[in-house]
């Protein structure tokens, strides 16, 4: 089966989403690297994900590094806007939860 050029990205995205069901970590990384429209945003996403992981590894008992505010502007601009960013976090064990509001 051949895929025409305009349909190529859509086809790749469908394949990666199907693969996510079997291999979520691998597929989410492939999504980030293959489907990112903007190279700068992709790099920022990968750097931010690495920073999240570095913080968790360096501070395994620090609860603050195990939570990410999804409504945070930085999260939206660095992770959520890149296809695969949120799926990567879910693949490594993050879950979406509604937390009680806390003023700081």
PDB file of N, CA and C in Angstrom:
ATOM      1  N   UNK A   1       0.844  -1.178   0.000  1.00  0.00           N
ATOM      2  CA  UNK A   1       0.000   0.000   0.000  1.00  0.00           C
ATOM      3  C   UNK A   1       0.882   1.230   0.000  1.00  0.00           C
ATOM      4  N   UNK A   2       0.600   2.154  -0.887  1.00  0.00           N
ATOM      5  CA  UNK A   2       1.378   3.393  -0.929  1.00  0.00           C
ATOM      6  C   UNK A   2       0.572   4.523  -0.297  1.00  0.00           C
ATOM      7  N   UNK A   3       1.304   5.471   0.261  1.00  0.00           N
ATOM      8  CA  UNK A   3       0.670   6.618   0.911  1.00  0.00           C
ATOM      9  C   UNK A   3       1.165   7.875   0.213  1.00  0.00           C
ATOM     10  N   UNK A   4       0.259   8.728  -0.182  1.00  0.00           N
ATOM     11  CA  UNK A   4       0.634   9.983  -0.842  1.00  0.00           C
ATOM     12  C   UNK A   4       1.243  10.931   0.171  1.00  0.00           C
ATOM     13  N   UNK A   5       2.080  11.779  -0.327  1.00  0.00           N
ATOM     14  CA  UNK A   5       2.834  12.700   0.517  1.00  0.00           C
ATOM     15  C   UNK A   5       1.971  13.480   1.527  1.00  0.00           C
ATOM     16  N   UNK A   6       0.866  14.116   1.115  1.00  0.00           N
ATOM     17  CA  UNK A   6       0.062  14.880   2.089  1.00  0.00           C
ATOM     18  C   UNK A   6      -0.522  14.001   3.205  1.00  0.00           C
ATOM     19  N   UNK A   7      -0.725  12.741   2.901  1.00  0.00           N
ATOM     20  CA  UNK A   7      -1.326  11.843   3.887  1.00  0.00           C
ATOM     21  C   UNK A   7      -0.271  11.168   4.770  1.00  0.00           C
ATOM     22  N   UNK A   8       0.988  11.376   4.434  1.00  0.00           N
ATOM     23  CA  UNK A   8       2.076  10.681   5.111  1.00  0.00           C
ATOM     24  C   UNK A   8       2.093  10.949   6.616  1.00  0.00           C
ATOM     25  N   UNK A   9       2.037  12.220   7.019  1.00  0.00           N
ATOM     26  CA  UNK A   9       2.072  12.568   8.450  1.00  0.00           C
ATOM     27  C   UNK A   9       0.885  11.955   9.187  1.00  0.00           C
ATOM     28  N   UNK A  10      -0.282  11.986   8.572  1.00  0.00           N
ATOM     29  CA  UNK A  10      -1.476  11.416   9.189  1.00  0.00           C
ATOM     30  C   UNK A  10      -1.291   9.910   9.366  1.00  0.00           C
ATOM     31  N   UNK A  11      -0.749   9.267   8.353  1.00  0.00           N
ATOM     32  CA  UNK A  11      -0.509   7.825   8.411  1.00  0.00           C
ATOM     33  C   UNK A  11       0.495   7.489   9.521  1.00  0.00           C
ATOM     34  N   UNK A  12       1.578   8.235   9.591  1.00  0.00           N
ATOM     35  CA  UNK A  12       2.596   8.016  10.631  1.00  0.00           C
ATOM     36  C   UNK A  12       1.978   8.208  12.013  1.00  0.00           C
ATOM     37  N   UNK A  13       1.188   9.260  12.173  1.00  0.00           N
ATOM     38  CA  UNK A  13       0.552   9.536  13.469  1.00  0.00           C
ATOM     39  C   UNK A  13      -0.378   8.383  13.868  1.00  0.00           C
ATOM     40  N   UNK A  14      -1.152   7.873  12.929  1.00  0.00           N
ATOM     41  CA  UNK A  14      -2.044   6.745  13.211  1.00  0.00           C
ATOM     42  C   UNK A  14      -1.240   5.515  13.628  1.00  0.00           C
ATOM     43  N   UNK A  15      -0.172   5.249  12.913  1.00  0.00           N
ATOM     44  CA  UNK A  15       0.669   4.083  13.232  1.00  0.00           C
ATOM     45  C   UNK A  15       1.273   4.217  14.626  1.00  0.00           C
ATOM     46  N   UNK A  16       1.751   5.401  14.959  1.00  0.00           N
ATOM     47  CA  UNK A  16       2.365   5.604  16.275  1.00  0.00           C
ATOM     48  C   UNK A  16       1.336   5.503  17.397  1.00  0.00           C
ATOM     49  N   UNK A  17       0.121   5.977  17.154  1.00  0.00           N
ATOM     50  CA  UNK A  17      -0.923   5.851  18.181  1.00  0.00           C
ATOM     51  C   UNK A  17      -1.308   4.379  18.375  1.00  0.00           C
ATOM     52  N   UNK A  18      -1.323   3.620  17.307  1.00  0.00           N
ATOM     53  CA  UNK A  18      -1.575   2.179  17.437  1.00  0.00           C
ATOM     54  C   UNK A  18      -0.436   1.503  18.191  1.00  0.00           C
ATOM     55  N   UNK A  19       0.781   1.901  17.889  1.00  0.00           N
ATOM     56  CA  UNK A  19       1.961   1.341  18.559  1.00  0.00           C
ATOM     57  C   UNK A  19       1.966   1.704  20.042  1.00  0.00           C
ATOM     58  N   UNK A  20       1.424   2.883  20.372  1.00  0.00           N
ATOM     59  CA  UNK A  20       1.376   3.329  21.768  1.00  0.00           C
ATOM     60  C   UNK A  20       0.627   2.327  22.650  1.00  0.00           C
ATOM     61  N   UNK A  21      -0.373   1.680  22.091  1.00  0.00           N
ATOM     62  CA  UNK A  21      -1.143   0.698  22.853  1.00  0.00           C
ATOM     63  C   UNK A  21      -0.290  -0.504  23.250  1.00  0.00           C
ATOM     64  N   UNK A  22       0.735  -0.811  22.434  1.00  0.00           N
ATOM     65  CA  UNK A  22       1.610  -1.955  22.704  1.00  0.00           C
ATOM     66  C   UNK A  22       2.891  -1.546  23.425  1.00  0.00           C
ATOM     67  N   UNK A  23       3.496  -0.468  22.988  1.00  0.00           N
ATOM     68  CA  UNK A  23       4.773   0.003  23.526  1.00  0.00           C
ATOM     69  C   UNK A  23       4.698   1.506  23.799  1.00  0.00           C
ATOM     70  N   UNK A  24       4.064   1.905  24.902  1.00  0.00           N
ATOM     71  CA  UNK A  24       3.813   3.325  25.129  1.00  0.00           C
ATOM     72  C   UNK A  24       5.077   4.196  25.217  1.00  0.00           C
ATOM     73  N   UNK A  25       6.097   3.711  25.877  1.00  0.00           N
ATOM     74  CA  UNK A  25       7.299   4.533  26.032  1.00  0.00           C
ATOM     75  C   UNK A  25       7.986   4.766  24.689  1.00  0.00           C
ATOM     76  N   UNK A  26       8.217   3.703  23.964  1.00  0.00           N
ATOM     77  CA  UNK A  26       8.881   3.809  22.663  1.00  0.00           C
ATOM     78  C   UNK A  26       8.058   4.661  21.702  1.00  0.00           C
ATOM     79  N   UNK A  27       6.768   4.419  21.647  1.00  0.00           N
ATOM     80  CA  UNK A  27       5.908   5.151  20.713  1.00  0.00           C
ATOM     81  C   UNK A  27       5.834   6.634  21.063  1.00  0.00           C
ATOM     82  N   UNK A  28       5.759   6.963  22.347  1.00  0.00           N
ATOM     83  CA  UNK A  28       5.676   8.384  22.729  1.00  0.00           C
ATOM     84  C   UNK A  28       6.961   9.123  22.373  1.00  0.00           C
ATOM     85  N   UNK A  29       8.114   8.472  22.551  1.00  0.00           N
ATOM     86  CA  UNK A  29       9.384   9.089  22.156  1.00  0.00           C
ATOM     87  C   UNK A  29       9.420   9.282  20.639  1.00  0.00           C
ATOM     88  N   UNK A  30       8.967   8.289  19.908  1.00  0.00           N
ATOM     89  CA  UNK A  30       8.928   8.409  18.447  1.00  0.00           C
ATOM     90  C   UNK A  30       7.988   9.528  18.016  1.00  0.00           C
ATOM     91  N   UNK A  31       6.866   9.679  18.704  1.00  0.00           N
ATOM     92  CA  UNK A  31       5.933  10.768  18.392  1.00  0.00           C
ATOM     93  C   UNK A  31       6.610  12.115  18.561  1.00  0.00           C
ATOM     94  N   UNK A  32       7.288  12.288  19.687  1.00  0.00           N
ATOM     95  CA  UNK A  32       7.952  13.565  19.948  1.00  0.00           C
ATOM     96  C   UNK A  32       8.943  13.882  18.831  1.00  0.00           C
ATOM     97  N   UNK A  33       9.751  12.910  18.461  1.00  0.00           N
ATOM     98  CA  UNK A  33      10.801  13.164  17.476  1.00  0.00           C
ATOM     99  C   UNK A  33      10.303  13.195  16.039  1.00  0.00           C
ATOM    100  N   UNK A  34       9.229  12.496  15.739  1.00  0.00           N
ATOM    101  CA  UNK A  34       8.757  12.404  14.357  1.00  0.00           C
ATOM    102  C   UNK A  34       7.671  13.423  14.022  1.00  0.00           C
ATOM    103  N   UNK A  35       6.791  13.694  14.978  1.00  0.00           N
ATOM    104  CA  UNK A  35       5.611  14.509  14.675  1.00  0.00           C
ATOM    105  C   UNK A  35       5.735  15.971  15.084  1.00  0.00           C
ATOM    106  N   UNK A  36       6.806  16.324  15.771  1.00  0.00           N
ATOM    107  CA  UNK A  36       6.969  17.722  16.175  1.00  0.00           C
ATOM    108  C   UNK A  36       7.079  18.601  14.934  1.00  0.00           C
ATOM    109  N   UNK A  37       6.307  19.661  14.909  1.00  0.00           N
ATOM    110  CA  UNK A  37       6.287  20.564  13.770  1.00  0.00           C
ATOM    111  C   UNK A  37       7.457  21.540  13.849  1.00  0.00           C
ATOM    112  N   UNK A  38       7.824  21.896  15.059  1.00  0.00           N
ATOM    113  CA  UNK A  38       8.836  22.912  15.284  1.00  0.00           C
ATOM    114  C   UNK A  38      10.025  22.298  16.032  1.00  0.00           C
ATOM    115  N   UNK A  39      11.199  22.363  15.443  1.00  0.00           N
ATOM    116  CA  UNK A  39      12.391  21.762  16.042  1.00  0.00           C
ATOM    117  C   UNK A  39      12.741  22.398  17.388  1.00  0.00           C
ATOM    118  N   UNK A  40      12.554  23.691  17.498  1.00  0.00           N
ATOM    119  CA  UNK A  40      12.860  24.396  18.752  1.00  0.00           C
ATOM    120  C   UNK A  40      11.942  23.918  19.882  1.00  0.00           C
ATOM    121  N   UNK A  41      10.655  23.788  19.577  1.00  0.00           N
ATOM    122  CA  UNK A  41       9.697  23.303  20.593  1.00  0.00           C
ATOM    123  C   UNK A  41       9.991  21.857  20.966  1.00  0.00           C
ATOM    124  N   UNK A  42      10.397  21.048  19.970  1.00  0.00           N
ATOM    125  CA  UNK A  42      10.750  19.660  20.246  1.00  0.00           C
ATOM    126  C   UNK A  42      11.934  19.606  21.213  1.00  0.00           C
ATOM    127  N   UNK A  43      12.954  20.396  20.966  1.00  0.00           N
ATOM    128  CA  UNK A  43      14.125  20.414  21.838  1.00  0.00           C
ATOM    129  C   UNK A  43      13.751  20.878  23.239  1.00  0.00           C
ATOM    130  N   UNK A  44      12.928  21.903  23.326  1.00  0.00           N
ATOM    131  CA  UNK A  44      12.482  22.404  24.624  1.00  0.00           C
ATOM    132  C   UNK A  44      11.690  21.338  25.374  1.00  0.00           C
ATOM    133  N   UNK A  45      10.845  20.605  24.668  1.00  0.00           N
ATOM    134  CA  UNK A  45      10.062  19.526  25.266  1.00  0.00           C
ATOM    135  C   UNK A  45      10.991  18.444  25.815  1.00  0.00           C
ATOM    136  N   UNK A  46      11.930  17.983  25.002  1.00  0.00           N
ATOM    137  CA  UNK A  46      12.846  16.920  25.419  1.00  0.00           C
ATOM    138  C   UNK A  46      13.695  17.389  26.602  1.00  0.00           C
ATOM    139  N   UNK A  47      14.196  18.611  26.535  1.00  0.00           N
ATOM    140  CA  UNK A  47      15.000  19.146  27.646  1.00  0.00           C
ATOM    141  C   UNK A  47      14.192  19.214  28.941  1.00  0.00           C
ATOM    142  N   UNK A  48      12.942  19.623  28.832  1.00  0.00           N
ATOM    143  CA  UNK A  48      12.079  19.727  30.016  1.00  0.00           C
ATOM    144  C   UNK A  48      11.763  18.351  30.578  1.00  0.00           C
ATOM    145  N   UNK A  49      11.460  17.388  29.710  1.00  0.00           N
ATOM    146  CA  UNK A  49      11.198  16.025  30.172  1.00  0.00           C
ATOM    147  C   UNK A  49      12.434  15.460  30.872  1.00  0.00           C
ATOM    148  N   UNK A  50      13.606  15.713  30.331  1.00  0.00           N
ATOM    149  CA  UNK A  50      14.850  15.254  30.962  1.00  0.00           C
ATOM    150  C   UNK A  50      15.047  15.913  32.327  1.00  0.00           C
ATOM    151  N   UNK A  51      14.711  17.182  32.420  1.00  0.00           N
ATOM    152  CA  UNK A  51      14.824  17.886  33.701  1.00  0.00           C
ATOM    153  C   UNK A  51      13.868  17.277  34.732  1.00  0.00           C
ATOM    154  N   UNK A  52      12.639  16.973  34.311  1.00  0.00           N
ATOM    155  CA  UNK A  52      11.694  16.315  35.222  1.00  0.00           C
ATOM    156  C   UNK A  52      12.288  15.011  35.743  1.00  0.00           C
ATOM    157  N   UNK A  53      12.809  14.197  34.823  1.00  0.00           N
ATOM    158  CA  UNK A  53      13.375  12.900  35.217  1.00  0.00           C
ATOM    159  C   UNK A  53      14.612  13.064  36.091  1.00  0.00           C
ATOM    160  N   UNK A  54      15.486  14.001  35.745  1.00  0.00           N
ATOM    161  CA  UNK A  54      16.678  14.258  36.567  1.00  0.00           C
ATOM    162  C   UNK A  54      16.287  14.636  37.990  1.00  0.00           C
ATOM    163  N   UNK A  55      15.272  15.484  38.128  1.00  0.00           N
ATOM    164  CA  UNK A  55      14.819  15.901  39.457  1.00  0.00           C
ATOM    165  C   UNK A  55      14.275  14.725  40.261  1.00  0.00           C
ATOM    166  N   UNK A  56      13.523  13.847  39.614  1.00  0.00           N
ATOM    167  CA  UNK A  56      12.968  12.684  40.309  1.00  0.00           C
ATOM    168  C   UNK A  56      14.087  11.737  40.734  1.00  0.00           C
ATOM    169  N   UNK A  57      15.043  11.516  39.854  1.00  0.00           N
ATOM    170  CA  UNK A  57      16.152  10.608  40.177  1.00  0.00           C
ATOM    171  C   UNK A  57      17.020  11.181  41.291  1.00  0.00           C
ATOM    172  N   UNK A  58      17.299  12.474  41.232  1.00  0.00           N
ATOM    173  CA  UNK A  58      18.155  13.111  42.241  1.00  0.00           C
ATOM    174  C   UNK A  58      17.448  13.270  43.584  1.00  0.00           C
ATOM    175  N   UNK A  59      16.122  13.340  43.560  1.00  0.00           N
ATOM    176  CA  UNK A  59      15.342  13.588  44.780  1.00  0.00           C
ATOM    177  C   UNK A  59      14.177  12.614  44.868  1.00  0.00           C
ATOM    178  N   UNK A  60      14.450  11.327  45.004  1.00  0.00           N
ATOM    179  CA  UNK A  60      13.374  10.331  44.935  1.00  0.00           C
ATOM    180  C   UNK A  60      12.316  10.461  46.031  1.00  0.00           C
ATOM    181  N   UNK A  61      12.644  11.105  47.126  1.00  0.00           N
ATOM    182  CA  UNK A  61      11.683  11.237  48.225  1.00  0.00           C
ATOM    183  C   UNK A  61      10.976  12.587  48.251  1.00  0.00           C
ATOM    184  N   UNK A  62      11.293  13.455  47.312  1.00  0.00           N
ATOM    185  CA  UNK A  62      10.664  14.781  47.250  1.00  0.00           C
ATOM    186  C   UNK A  62       9.352  14.699  46.478  1.00  0.00           C
ATOM    187  N   UNK A  63       8.260  14.856  47.178  1.00  0.00           N
ATOM    188  CA  UNK A  63       6.928  14.763  46.576  1.00  0.00           C
ATOM    189  C   UNK A  63       6.715  15.813  45.481  1.00  0.00           C
ATOM    190  N   UNK A  64       7.307  17.003  45.654  1.00  0.00           N
ATOM    191  CA  UNK A  64       7.070  18.087  44.693  1.00  0.00           C
ATOM    192  C   UNK A  64       7.549  17.744  43.274  1.00  0.00           C
ATOM    193  N   UNK A  65       8.517  16.849  43.156  1.00  0.00           N
ATOM    194  CA  UNK A  65       9.004  16.479  41.833  1.00  0.00           C
ATOM    195  C   UNK A  65       8.163  15.372  41.199  1.00  0.00           C
ATOM    196  N   UNK A  66       7.216  14.855  41.929  1.00  0.00           N
ATOM    197  CA  UNK A  66       6.355  13.786  41.418  1.00  0.00           C
ATOM    198  C   UNK A  66       4.995  14.312  40.949  1.00  0.00           C
ATOM    199  N   UNK A  67       4.849  15.627  40.963  1.00  0.00           N
ATOM    200  CA  UNK A  67       3.607  16.256  40.512  1.00  0.00           C
ATOM    201  C   UNK A  67       3.944  17.356  39.519  1.00  0.00           C
ATOM    202  N   UNK A  68       3.130  17.462  38.497  1.00  0.00           N
ATOM    203  CA  UNK A  68       3.285  18.518  37.498  1.00  0.00           C
ATOM    204  C   UNK A  68       1.917  19.163  37.323  1.00  0.00           C
ATOM    205  N   UNK A  69       1.867  20.447  37.457  1.00  0.00           N
ATOM    206  CA  UNK A  69       0.586  21.151  37.274  1.00  0.00           C
ATOM    207  C   UNK A  69       0.319  21.300  35.780  1.00  0.00           C
ATOM    208  N   UNK A  70      -0.704  20.606  35.319  1.00  0.00           N
ATOM    209  CA  UNK A  70      -1.027  20.591  33.892  1.00  0.00           C
ATOM    210  C   UNK A  70      -1.521  21.947  33.400  1.00  0.00           C
ATOM    211  N   UNK A  71      -2.017  22.785  34.293  1.00  0.00           N
ATOM    212  CA  UNK A  71      -2.486  24.108  33.872  1.00  0.00           C
ATOM    213  C   UNK A  71      -1.372  25.154  33.944  1.00  0.00           C
ATOM    214  N   UNK A  72      -0.174  24.733  34.335  1.00  0.00           N
ATOM    215  CA  UNK A  72       0.983  25.610  34.402  1.00  0.00           C
ATOM    216  C   UNK A  72       1.364  26.070  32.992  1.00  0.00           C
ATOM    217  N   UNK A  73       1.629  27.347  32.839  1.00  0.00           N
ATOM    218  CA  UNK A  73       1.960  27.914  31.533  1.00  0.00           C
ATOM    219  C   UNK A  73       3.183  27.225  30.918  1.00  0.00           C
ATOM    220  N   UNK A  74       4.208  26.982  31.721  1.00  0.00           N
ATOM    221  CA  UNK A  74       5.420  26.331  31.236  1.00  0.00           C
ATOM    222  C   UNK A  74       5.133  24.925  30.713  1.00  0.00           C
ATOM    223  N   UNK A  75       4.294  24.190  31.435  1.00  0.00           N
ATOM    224  CA  UNK A  75       3.923  22.843  31.006  1.00  0.00           C
ATOM    225  C   UNK A  75       3.202  22.889  29.664  1.00  0.00           C
ATOM    226  N   UNK A  76       2.269  23.808  29.551  1.00  0.00           N
ATOM    227  CA  UNK A  76       1.504  23.926  28.303  1.00  0.00           C
ATOM    228  C   UNK A  76       2.406  24.300  27.127  1.00  0.00           C
ATOM    229  N   UNK A  77       3.358  25.207  27.361  1.00  0.00           N
ATOM    230  CA  UNK A  77       4.225  25.696  26.290  1.00  0.00           C
ATOM    231  C   UNK A  77       5.365  24.740  25.952  1.00  0.00           C
ATOM    232  N   UNK A  78       5.749  23.885  26.903  1.00  0.00           N
ATOM    233  CA  UNK A  78       6.913  23.027  26.686  1.00  0.00           C
ATOM    234  C   UNK A  78       6.565  21.565  26.432  1.00  0.00           C
ATOM    235  N   UNK A  79       5.503  21.076  27.047  1.00  0.00           N
ATOM    236  CA  UNK A  79       5.176  19.649  26.962  1.00  0.00           C
ATOM    237  C   UNK A  79       3.885  19.409  26.183  1.00  0.00           C
ATOM    238  N   UNK A  80       2.833  20.025  26.625  1.00  0.00           N
ATOM    239  CA  UNK A  80       1.507  19.753  26.056  1.00  0.00           C
ATOM    240  C   UNK A  80       1.404  20.102  24.574  1.00  0.00           C
ATOM    241  N   UNK A  81       2.148  21.092  24.132  1.00  0.00           N
ATOM    242  CA  UNK A  81       2.045  21.539  22.736  1.00  0.00           C
ATOM    243  C   UNK A  81       2.789  20.625  21.758  1.00  0.00           C
ATOM    244  N   UNK A  82       3.566  19.676  22.265  1.00  0.00           N
ATOM    245  CA  UNK A  82       4.321  18.759  21.404  1.00  0.00           C
ATOM    246  C   UNK A  82       3.647  17.385  21.439  1.00  0.00           C
ATOM    247  N   UNK A  83       3.264  16.893  20.278  1.00  0.00           N
ATOM    248  CA  UNK A  83       2.616  15.585  20.195  1.00  0.00           C
ATOM    249  C   UNK A  83       3.520  14.524  20.813  1.00  0.00           C
ATOM    250  N   UNK A  84       2.977  13.792  21.776  1.00  0.00           N
ATOM    251  CA  UNK A  84       3.729  12.739  22.444  1.00  0.00           C
ATOM    252  C   UNK A  84       4.266  13.140  23.802  1.00  0.00           C
ATOM    253  N   UNK A  85       4.323  14.428  24.093  1.00  0.00           N
ATOM    254  CA  UNK A  85       4.877  14.902  25.363  1.00  0.00           C
ATOM    255  C   UNK A  85       4.104  14.389  26.573  1.00  0.00           C
ATOM    256  N   UNK A  86       2.812  14.583  26.569  1.00  0.00           N
ATOM    257  CA  UNK A  86       1.970  14.120  27.673  1.00  0.00           C
ATOM    258  C   UNK A  86       1.920  12.589  27.695  1.00  0.00           C
ATOM    259  N   UNK A  87       1.859  11.985  26.517  1.00  0.00           N
ATOM    260  CA  UNK A  87       1.837  10.516  26.456  1.00  0.00           C
ATOM    261  C   UNK A  87       3.118   9.916  27.028  1.00  0.00           C
ATOM    262  N   UNK A  88       4.247  10.585  26.834  1.00  0.00           N
ATOM    263  CA  UNK A  88       5.503  10.123  27.422  1.00  0.00           C
ATOM    264  C   UNK A  88       5.394  10.115  28.946  1.00  0.00           C
ATOM    265  N   UNK A  89       4.872  11.192  29.516  1.00  0.00           N
ATOM    266  CA  UNK A  89       4.723  11.254  30.973  1.00  0.00           C
ATOM    267  C   UNK A  89       3.800  10.150  31.477  1.00  0.00           C
ATOM    268  N   UNK A  90       2.732   9.883  30.750  1.00  0.00           N
ATOM    269  CA  UNK A  90       1.829   8.797  31.134  1.00  0.00           C
ATOM    270  C   UNK A  90       2.535   7.446  31.011  1.00  0.00           C
ATOM    271  N   UNK A  91       3.376   7.293  29.997  1.00  0.00           N
ATOM    272  CA  UNK A  91       4.090   6.030  29.782  1.00  0.00           C
ATOM    273  C   UNK A  91       5.079   5.738  30.915  1.00  0.00           C
ATOM    274  N   UNK A  92       5.608   6.789  31.543  1.00  0.00           N
ATOM    275  CA  UNK A  92       6.563   6.568  32.641  1.00  0.00           C
ATOM    276  C   UNK A  92       5.889   6.561  34.007  1.00  0.00           C
ATOM    277  N   UNK A  93       4.560   6.661  34.008  1.00  0.00           N
ATOM    278  CA  UNK A  93       3.848   6.481  35.268  1.00  0.00           C
ATOM    279  C   UNK A  93       3.081   7.660  35.812  1.00  0.00           C
ATOM    280  N   UNK A  94       3.172   8.815  35.174  1.00  0.00           N
ATOM    281  CA  UNK A  94       2.375   9.953  35.638  1.00  0.00           C
ATOM    282  C   UNK A  94       0.915   9.692  35.301  1.00  0.00           C
ATOM    283  N   UNK A  95       0.029  10.121  36.166  1.00  0.00           N
ATOM    284  CA  UNK A  95      -1.409   9.987  35.937  1.00  0.00           C
ATOM    285  C   UNK A  95      -2.054  11.352  36.106  1.00  0.00           C
ATOM    286  N   UNK A  96      -3.180  11.532  35.462  1.00  0.00           N
ATOM    287  CA  UNK A  96      -3.927  12.778  35.602  1.00  0.00           C
ATOM    288  C   UNK A  96      -4.815  12.658  36.832  1.00  0.00           C
ATOM    289  N   UNK A  97      -4.656  13.606  37.724  1.00  0.00           N
ATOM    290  CA  UNK A  97      -5.466  13.629  38.940  1.00  0.00           C
ATOM    291  C   UNK A  97      -5.893  15.054  39.239  1.00  0.00           C
ATOM    292  N   UNK A  98      -7.073  15.189  39.789  1.00  0.00           N
ATOM    293  CA  UNK A  98      -7.539  16.479  40.249  1.00  0.00           C
ATOM    294  C   UNK A  98      -7.103  16.615  41.699  1.00  0.00           C
ATOM    295  N   UNK A  99      -6.222  17.570  41.949  1.00  0.00           N
ATOM    296  CA  UNK A  99      -5.696  17.764  43.302  1.00  0.00           C
ATOM    297  C   UNK A  99      -6.409  18.928  43.970  1.00  0.00           C
ATOM    298  N   UNK A 100      -6.488  18.895  45.300  1.00  0.00           N
ATOM    299  CA  UNK A 100      -7.116  20.012  46.000  1.00  0.00           C
ATOM    300  C   UNK A 100      -6.309  21.285  45.765  1.00  0.00           C
ATOM    301  N   UNK A 101      -7.007  22.398  45.670  1.00  0.00           N
ATOM    302  CA  UNK A 101      -6.351  23.696  45.438  1.00  0.00           C
ATOM    303  C   UNK A 101      -5.526  24.079  46.658  1.00  0.00           C
ATOM    304  N   UNK A 102      -4.304  24.511  46.401  1.00  0.00           N
ATOM    305  CA  UNK A 102      -3.432  24.954  47.492  1.00  0.00           C
ATOM    306  C   UNK A 102      -2.865  26.308  47.141  1.00  0.00           C
ATOM    307  N   UNK A 103      -2.947  27.245  48.042  1.00  0.00           N
ATOM    308  CA  UNK A 103      -2.348  28.565  47.845  1.00  0.00           C
ATOM    309  C   UNK A 103      -0.937  28.536  48.389  1.00  0.00           C
ATOM    310  N   UNK A 104       0.002  29.113  47.636  1.00  0.00           N
ATOM    311  CA  UNK A 104       1.384  29.167  48.089  1.00  0.00           C
ATOM    312  C   UNK A 104       1.849  30.585  48.120  1.00  0.00           C
TER     313      UNK A 104
END
